[in-house]
């Protein structure tokens, strides 16, 4: 199904679970894929004994990427024209993440339609871990 401007209203939302029971293995796999082996994300002893955290935690970009999957699932591949995020809280092994996009504006510019979105991703406790914005080109 193609998302269309005429089907949307300001205030419409779309939500998806983007991570369920995030594992240490997934965090380390992301480190390998991204090349970011910072010990806060990969070394349990370092995270606890040196940095003082209870355990390793996920890369912010892992959470942003998972949130981006929700966006492209909704608006379609190749439709995002802008996407930014602020990491507001650590994501720990075992966390469940739910991402939500809210339409804040629908614009027509030179015959093309764009939606402005507020993005929020929360953990299983309802705590915000990602706060962001996105713009997507959509059909009329």
N, C-alpha and C. Protein backbone atom coordinates (compact mmCIF):
# COMPACT_ATOMS: atom_id res chain seq x y z
N UNK A 1 0.84 -1.18 0.00
CA UNK A 1 0.00 0.00 0.00
C UNK A 1 0.89 1.25 0.00
N UNK A 2 0.58 2.20 -0.87
CA UNK A 2 1.33 3.44 -0.95
C UNK A 2 0.68 4.50 -0.06
N UNK A 3 1.49 5.15 0.76
CA UNK A 3 1.01 6.21 1.62
C UNK A 3 0.71 7.44 0.77
N UNK A 4 -0.48 8.02 0.94
CA UNK A 4 -0.91 9.16 0.13
C UNK A 4 -1.32 10.34 1.01
N UNK A 5 -0.99 11.54 0.53
CA UNK A 5 -1.29 12.76 1.28
C UNK A 5 -2.78 12.88 1.56
N UNK A 6 -3.62 12.52 0.60
CA UNK A 6 -5.07 12.69 0.78
C UNK A 6 -5.63 11.76 1.85
N UNK A 7 -4.87 10.74 2.25
CA UNK A 7 -5.32 9.81 3.28
C UNK A 7 -4.84 10.19 4.68
N UNK A 8 -4.00 11.24 4.76
CA UNK A 8 -3.38 11.60 6.03
C UNK A 8 -3.94 12.90 6.58
N UNK A 9 -3.87 13.02 7.89
CA UNK A 9 -4.21 14.26 8.59
C UNK A 9 -3.13 14.55 9.62
N UNK A 10 -2.93 15.82 9.90
CA UNK A 10 -2.03 16.19 10.99
C UNK A 10 -2.54 15.51 12.25
N UNK A 11 -1.63 14.90 12.99
CA UNK A 11 -1.98 14.18 14.20
C UNK A 11 -2.05 12.67 14.02
N UNK A 12 -2.12 12.20 12.76
CA UNK A 12 -2.11 10.75 12.52
C UNK A 12 -0.80 10.17 13.02
N UNK A 13 -0.86 8.92 13.51
CA UNK A 13 0.34 8.26 14.02
C UNK A 13 0.47 6.86 13.43
N UNK A 14 1.70 6.38 13.49
CA UNK A 14 2.00 4.99 13.12
C UNK A 14 3.03 4.50 14.13
N UNK A 15 2.80 3.31 14.70
CA UNK A 15 3.72 2.73 15.69
C UNK A 15 4.08 1.31 15.31
N UNK A 16 5.29 0.91 15.67
CA UNK A 16 5.75 -0.47 15.49
C UNK A 16 6.72 -0.82 16.60
N UNK A 17 6.70 -2.08 16.99
CA UNK A 17 7.76 -2.60 17.86
C UNK A 17 8.97 -2.82 16.97
N UNK A 18 10.09 -2.19 17.30
CA UNK A 18 11.28 -2.27 16.46
C UNK A 18 12.39 -3.12 17.09
N UNK A 19 12.24 -3.48 18.34
CA UNK A 19 13.18 -4.40 19.01
C UNK A 19 12.42 -5.10 20.12
N UNK A 20 12.63 -6.40 20.20
CA UNK A 20 12.02 -7.18 21.28
C UNK A 20 13.13 -7.97 21.95
N UNK A 21 13.30 -7.71 23.24
CA UNK A 21 14.33 -8.40 24.02
C UNK A 21 15.70 -8.29 23.35
N UNK A 22 16.14 -7.05 23.12
CA UNK A 22 17.43 -6.78 22.49
C UNK A 22 18.53 -7.57 23.21
N UNK A 23 19.36 -8.24 22.44
CA UNK A 23 20.38 -9.10 23.04
C UNK A 23 21.77 -8.48 22.95
N UNK A 24 22.66 -8.93 23.81
CA UNK A 24 24.07 -8.53 23.74
C UNK A 24 24.65 -8.94 22.39
N UNK A 25 24.24 -10.09 21.90
CA UNK A 25 24.73 -10.55 20.59
C UNK A 25 24.36 -9.55 19.50
N UNK A 26 23.12 -9.04 19.51
CA UNK A 26 22.71 -8.06 18.51
C UNK A 26 23.54 -6.78 18.64
N UNK A 27 23.85 -6.38 19.86
CA UNK A 27 24.66 -5.18 20.08
C UNK A 27 26.06 -5.39 19.51
N UNK A 28 26.66 -6.56 19.77
CA UNK A 28 27.99 -6.84 19.25
C UNK A 28 27.96 -6.99 17.73
N UNK A 29 26.90 -7.58 17.19
CA UNK A 29 26.77 -7.67 15.73
C UNK A 29 26.71 -6.28 15.12
N UNK A 30 26.00 -5.36 15.78
CA UNK A 30 25.96 -3.99 15.27
C UNK A 30 27.36 -3.37 15.33
N UNK A 31 28.10 -3.64 16.40
CA UNK A 31 29.48 -3.12 16.49
C UNK A 31 30.29 -3.59 15.29
N UNK A 32 30.14 -4.86 14.94
CA UNK A 32 30.87 -5.39 13.79
C UNK A 32 30.43 -4.75 12.48
N UNK A 33 29.14 -4.56 12.32
CA UNK A 33 28.63 -3.97 11.08
C UNK A 33 29.03 -2.50 10.95
N UNK A 34 29.08 -1.79 12.07
CA UNK A 34 29.36 -0.35 12.03
C UNK A 34 30.85 -0.04 12.19
N UNK A 35 31.60 -0.99 12.74
CA UNK A 35 33.01 -0.75 13.02
C UNK A 35 33.23 0.03 14.32
N UNK A 36 32.16 0.21 15.10
CA UNK A 36 32.24 0.95 16.36
C UNK A 36 32.34 -0.05 17.51
N UNK A 37 33.57 -0.31 17.92
CA UNK A 37 33.82 -1.28 18.99
C UNK A 37 34.06 -0.61 20.34
N UNK A 38 33.49 0.56 20.55
CA UNK A 38 33.66 1.23 21.84
C UNK A 38 33.33 0.24 22.96
N UNK A 39 34.20 0.12 23.96
CA UNK A 39 34.00 -0.90 24.99
C UNK A 39 32.72 -0.73 25.81
N UNK A 40 32.13 0.46 25.83
CA UNK A 40 30.85 0.62 26.53
C UNK A 40 29.76 -0.25 25.90
N UNK A 41 29.96 -0.60 24.63
CA UNK A 41 28.96 -1.40 23.92
C UNK A 41 29.34 -2.88 23.80
N UNK A 42 30.61 -3.20 24.02
CA UNK A 42 31.07 -4.56 23.72
C UNK A 42 31.79 -5.27 24.86
N UNK A 43 32.22 -4.54 25.88
CA UNK A 43 33.06 -5.13 26.94
C UNK A 43 32.35 -4.99 28.28
N UNK A 44 31.78 -6.09 28.74
CA UNK A 44 31.02 -6.10 30.00
C UNK A 44 31.85 -5.60 31.18
N UNK A 45 33.07 -6.09 31.31
CA UNK A 45 33.93 -5.69 32.43
C UNK A 45 34.22 -4.20 32.37
N UNK A 46 34.57 -3.69 31.21
CA UNK A 46 34.85 -2.26 31.06
C UNK A 46 33.61 -1.43 31.41
N UNK A 47 32.46 -1.82 30.87
CA UNK A 47 31.23 -1.06 31.11
C UNK A 47 30.93 -0.97 32.61
N UNK A 48 31.12 -2.07 33.33
CA UNK A 48 30.81 -2.08 34.76
C UNK A 48 31.93 -1.50 35.62
N UNK A 49 33.13 -2.03 35.47
CA UNK A 49 34.19 -1.71 36.41
C UNK A 49 34.91 -0.40 36.11
N UNK A 50 35.01 -0.02 34.86
CA UNK A 50 35.71 1.22 34.51
C UNK A 50 34.73 2.38 34.39
N UNK A 51 33.62 2.15 33.65
CA UNK A 51 32.69 3.25 33.37
C UNK A 51 31.56 3.36 34.40
N UNK A 52 31.32 2.33 35.18
CA UNK A 52 30.31 2.40 36.23
C UNK A 52 28.88 2.14 35.77
N UNK A 53 28.70 1.57 34.60
CA UNK A 53 27.36 1.22 34.13
C UNK A 53 27.02 -0.19 34.60
N UNK A 54 25.75 -0.54 34.65
CA UNK A 54 25.38 -1.88 35.11
C UNK A 54 25.75 -2.99 34.11
N UNK A 55 25.88 -2.62 32.85
CA UNK A 55 26.24 -3.57 31.79
C UNK A 55 26.54 -2.77 30.53
N UNK A 56 26.81 -3.46 29.43
CA UNK A 56 26.97 -2.78 28.14
C UNK A 56 25.61 -2.22 27.72
N UNK A 57 25.64 -1.27 26.79
CA UNK A 57 24.37 -0.75 26.25
C UNK A 57 24.51 -0.55 24.75
N UNK A 58 23.37 -0.45 24.08
CA UNK A 58 23.34 -0.37 22.62
C UNK A 58 23.87 0.96 22.11
N UNK A 59 24.44 0.92 20.94
CA UNK A 59 24.85 2.14 20.23
C UNK A 59 23.60 2.98 19.95
N UNK A 60 23.73 4.29 20.05
CA UNK A 60 22.61 5.16 19.69
C UNK A 60 22.16 4.94 18.27
N UNK A 61 23.13 4.72 17.38
CA UNK A 61 22.78 4.53 15.97
C UNK A 61 22.05 3.21 15.73
N UNK A 62 22.24 2.22 16.59
CA UNK A 62 21.46 0.99 16.48
C UNK A 62 19.99 1.31 16.74
N UNK A 63 19.73 2.09 17.79
CA UNK A 63 18.35 2.49 18.11
C UNK A 63 17.76 3.36 17.02
N UNK A 64 18.58 4.27 16.47
CA UNK A 64 18.11 5.14 15.40
C UNK A 64 17.80 4.33 14.15
N UNK A 65 18.65 3.35 13.84
CA UNK A 65 18.42 2.50 12.68
C UNK A 65 17.15 1.68 12.83
N UNK A 66 16.92 1.12 14.02
CA UNK A 66 15.70 0.35 14.26
C UNK A 66 14.47 1.25 14.10
N UNK A 67 14.58 2.48 14.59
CA UNK A 67 13.48 3.44 14.44
C UNK A 67 13.27 3.76 12.96
N UNK A 68 14.35 3.87 12.22
CA UNK A 68 14.26 4.14 10.79
C UNK A 68 13.53 3.05 10.03
N UNK A 69 13.62 1.81 10.50
CA UNK A 69 12.88 0.72 9.87
C UNK A 69 11.37 1.00 9.97
N UNK A 70 10.91 1.46 11.12
CA UNK A 70 9.50 1.80 11.27
C UNK A 70 9.12 2.87 10.25
N UNK A 71 9.98 3.89 10.09
CA UNK A 71 9.68 4.97 9.15
C UNK A 71 9.56 4.45 7.73
N UNK A 72 10.53 3.68 7.28
CA UNK A 72 10.47 3.21 5.89
C UNK A 72 9.37 2.17 5.69
N UNK A 73 9.05 1.41 6.73
CA UNK A 73 7.90 0.50 6.62
C UNK A 73 6.62 1.29 6.36
N UNK A 74 6.51 2.48 6.93
CA UNK A 74 5.30 3.28 6.80
C UNK A 74 5.29 4.12 5.53
N UNK A 75 6.36 4.88 5.31
CA UNK A 75 6.36 5.82 4.18
C UNK A 75 6.89 5.19 2.90
N UNK A 76 7.63 4.10 3.00
CA UNK A 76 8.18 3.43 1.84
C UNK A 76 9.67 3.67 1.68
N UNK A 77 10.32 2.73 1.03
CA UNK A 77 11.76 2.85 0.76
C UNK A 77 12.02 4.02 -0.17
N UNK A 78 13.09 4.74 0.09
CA UNK A 78 13.50 5.84 -0.77
C UNK A 78 12.66 7.09 -0.63
N UNK A 79 11.81 7.15 0.38
CA UNK A 79 10.90 8.29 0.56
C UNK A 79 11.38 9.31 1.59
N UNK A 80 12.24 8.88 2.51
CA UNK A 80 12.73 9.82 3.53
C UNK A 80 13.65 10.85 2.88
N UNK A 81 13.42 12.12 3.16
CA UNK A 81 14.30 13.18 2.66
C UNK A 81 15.11 13.79 3.79
N UNK A 82 14.72 13.54 5.03
CA UNK A 82 15.44 14.04 6.19
C UNK A 82 15.06 13.18 7.38
N UNK A 83 16.04 12.89 8.24
CA UNK A 83 15.80 12.10 9.44
C UNK A 83 16.88 12.46 10.44
N UNK A 84 16.47 12.92 11.60
CA UNK A 84 17.42 13.26 12.65
C UNK A 84 16.88 12.75 13.98
N UNK A 85 17.79 12.47 14.89
CA UNK A 85 17.37 11.93 16.18
C UNK A 85 18.31 12.40 17.28
N UNK A 86 17.76 12.46 18.47
CA UNK A 86 18.52 12.76 19.68
C UNK A 86 18.37 11.54 20.58
N UNK A 87 19.49 11.04 21.08
CA UNK A 87 19.48 9.88 21.96
C UNK A 87 19.27 10.38 23.39
N UNK A 88 18.18 9.99 24.02
CA UNK A 88 17.81 10.56 25.31
C UNK A 88 18.04 9.63 26.50
N UNK A 89 18.28 8.35 26.22
CA UNK A 89 18.46 7.38 27.31
C UNK A 89 19.13 6.14 26.73
N UNK A 90 19.91 5.45 27.53
CA UNK A 90 20.55 4.22 27.07
C UNK A 90 19.50 3.15 26.79
N UNK A 91 19.86 2.29 25.85
CA UNK A 91 19.07 1.10 25.53
C UNK A 91 19.90 -0.10 25.99
N UNK A 92 19.30 -0.90 26.88
CA UNK A 92 20.01 -2.00 27.53
C UNK A 92 19.63 -3.34 26.93
N UNK A 93 20.50 -4.33 27.09
CA UNK A 93 20.12 -5.69 26.70
C UNK A 93 18.81 -6.06 27.42
N UNK A 94 17.92 -6.70 26.68
CA UNK A 94 16.62 -7.08 27.23
C UNK A 94 15.52 -6.08 26.95
N UNK A 95 15.87 -4.87 26.49
CA UNK A 95 14.86 -3.84 26.24
C UNK A 95 13.99 -4.20 25.03
N UNK A 96 12.75 -3.77 25.12
CA UNK A 96 11.81 -3.76 23.99
C UNK A 96 11.66 -2.31 23.58
N UNK A 97 11.64 -2.05 22.28
CA UNK A 97 11.52 -0.68 21.79
C UNK A 97 10.33 -0.57 20.85
N UNK A 98 9.53 0.49 21.07
CA UNK A 98 8.40 0.80 20.21
C UNK A 98 8.59 2.20 19.66
N UNK A 99 8.56 2.32 18.34
CA UNK A 99 8.76 3.60 17.66
C UNK A 99 7.42 4.12 17.14
N UNK A 100 7.23 5.44 17.27
CA UNK A 100 6.00 6.08 16.81
C UNK A 100 6.34 7.32 16.01
N UNK A 101 5.67 7.47 14.88
CA UNK A 101 5.78 8.68 14.05
C UNK A 101 4.43 9.38 14.09
N UNK A 102 4.47 10.71 14.28
CA UNK A 102 3.25 11.52 14.30
C UNK A 102 3.36 12.58 13.22
N UNK A 103 2.34 12.68 12.37
CA UNK A 103 2.31 13.67 11.31
C UNK A 103 2.09 15.06 11.93
N UNK A 104 3.04 15.98 11.67
CA UNK A 104 2.90 17.34 12.20
C UNK A 104 2.58 18.35 11.12
N UNK A 105 2.80 18.00 9.85
CA UNK A 105 2.47 18.90 8.74
C UNK A 105 2.42 18.09 7.45
N UNK A 106 1.59 18.55 6.53
CA UNK A 106 1.50 17.99 5.18
C UNK A 106 1.66 19.18 4.24
N UNK A 107 2.72 19.13 3.42
CA UNK A 107 3.05 20.27 2.57
C UNK A 107 3.05 19.85 1.10
N UNK A 108 2.68 20.79 0.24
CA UNK A 108 2.78 20.61 -1.20
C UNK A 108 3.76 21.66 -1.72
N UNK A 109 4.82 21.19 -2.34
CA UNK A 109 5.85 22.09 -2.87
C UNK A 109 6.10 21.72 -4.32
N UNK A 110 5.73 22.64 -5.21
CA UNK A 110 5.92 22.44 -6.65
C UNK A 110 5.39 21.09 -7.12
N UNK A 111 4.19 20.75 -6.68
CA UNK A 111 3.54 19.53 -7.12
C UNK A 111 3.95 18.26 -6.40
N UNK A 112 4.90 18.35 -5.46
CA UNK A 112 5.30 17.19 -4.67
C UNK A 112 4.76 17.35 -3.26
N UNK A 113 4.42 16.24 -2.64
CA UNK A 113 3.87 16.25 -1.30
C UNK A 113 4.89 15.71 -0.30
N UNK A 114 4.94 16.36 0.84
CA UNK A 114 5.86 15.98 1.91
C UNK A 114 5.11 15.97 3.23
N UNK A 115 5.47 15.03 4.08
CA UNK A 115 4.94 15.04 5.44
C UNK A 115 6.10 15.29 6.40
N UNK A 116 5.81 16.08 7.42
CA UNK A 116 6.74 16.32 8.52
C UNK A 116 6.30 15.41 9.67
N UNK A 117 7.27 14.76 10.30
CA UNK A 117 6.96 13.79 11.34
C UNK A 117 7.76 14.07 12.60
N UNK A 118 7.12 13.92 13.74
CA UNK A 118 7.81 13.84 15.02
C UNK A 118 7.98 12.36 15.32
N UNK A 119 9.16 11.98 15.79
CA UNK A 119 9.49 10.58 16.03
C UNK A 119 9.81 10.40 17.51
N UNK A 120 9.25 9.35 18.09
CA UNK A 120 9.57 8.99 19.47
C UNK A 120 9.71 7.47 19.55
N UNK A 121 10.78 7.03 20.19
CA UNK A 121 10.94 5.61 20.47
C UNK A 121 11.04 5.45 21.97
N UNK A 122 10.26 4.53 22.51
CA UNK A 122 10.23 4.31 23.95
C UNK A 122 10.59 2.86 24.26
N UNK A 123 11.09 2.66 25.48
CA UNK A 123 11.37 1.29 25.93
C UNK A 123 10.12 0.70 26.58
N UNK A 124 10.25 -0.50 27.10
CA UNK A 124 9.11 -1.21 27.70
C UNK A 124 8.55 -0.50 28.92
N UNK A 125 9.29 0.45 29.49
CA UNK A 125 8.81 1.21 30.65
C UNK A 125 8.19 2.54 30.25
N UNK A 126 8.08 2.78 28.94
CA UNK A 126 7.51 4.03 28.46
C UNK A 126 8.49 5.19 28.49
N UNK A 127 9.78 4.90 28.73
CA UNK A 127 10.80 5.94 28.78
C UNK A 127 11.31 6.22 27.37
N UNK A 128 11.39 7.49 27.01
CA UNK A 128 11.85 7.87 25.68
C UNK A 128 13.34 7.61 25.54
N UNK A 129 13.71 6.88 24.48
CA UNK A 129 15.12 6.63 24.20
C UNK A 129 15.58 7.35 22.93
N UNK A 130 14.64 7.70 22.05
CA UNK A 130 14.91 8.45 20.82
C UNK A 130 13.83 9.53 20.69
N UNK A 131 14.27 10.72 20.38
CA UNK A 131 13.36 11.83 20.10
C UNK A 131 13.86 12.43 18.79
N UNK A 132 13.02 12.47 17.76
CA UNK A 132 13.54 12.93 16.48
C UNK A 132 12.50 13.53 15.57
N UNK A 133 12.94 13.80 14.35
CA UNK A 133 12.10 14.39 13.32
C UNK A 133 12.45 13.74 11.99
N UNK A 134 11.48 13.74 11.08
CA UNK A 134 11.72 13.20 9.75
C UNK A 134 10.82 13.94 8.77
N UNK A 135 11.24 13.91 7.52
CA UNK A 135 10.44 14.42 6.40
C UNK A 135 10.43 13.33 5.35
N UNK A 136 9.27 13.11 4.75
CA UNK A 136 9.15 12.10 3.71
C UNK A 136 8.33 12.64 2.54
N UNK A 137 8.76 12.26 1.35
CA UNK A 137 8.01 12.57 0.13
C UNK A 137 6.95 11.48 -0.02
N UNK A 138 5.70 11.89 -0.27
CA UNK A 138 4.63 10.92 -0.43
C UNK A 138 3.83 11.25 -1.68
N UNK A 139 3.01 10.32 -2.08
CA UNK A 139 2.15 10.53 -3.25
C UNK A 139 0.97 11.41 -2.88
N UNK A 140 0.35 12.05 -3.90
CA UNK A 140 -0.78 12.97 -3.62
C UNK A 140 -1.97 12.30 -2.96
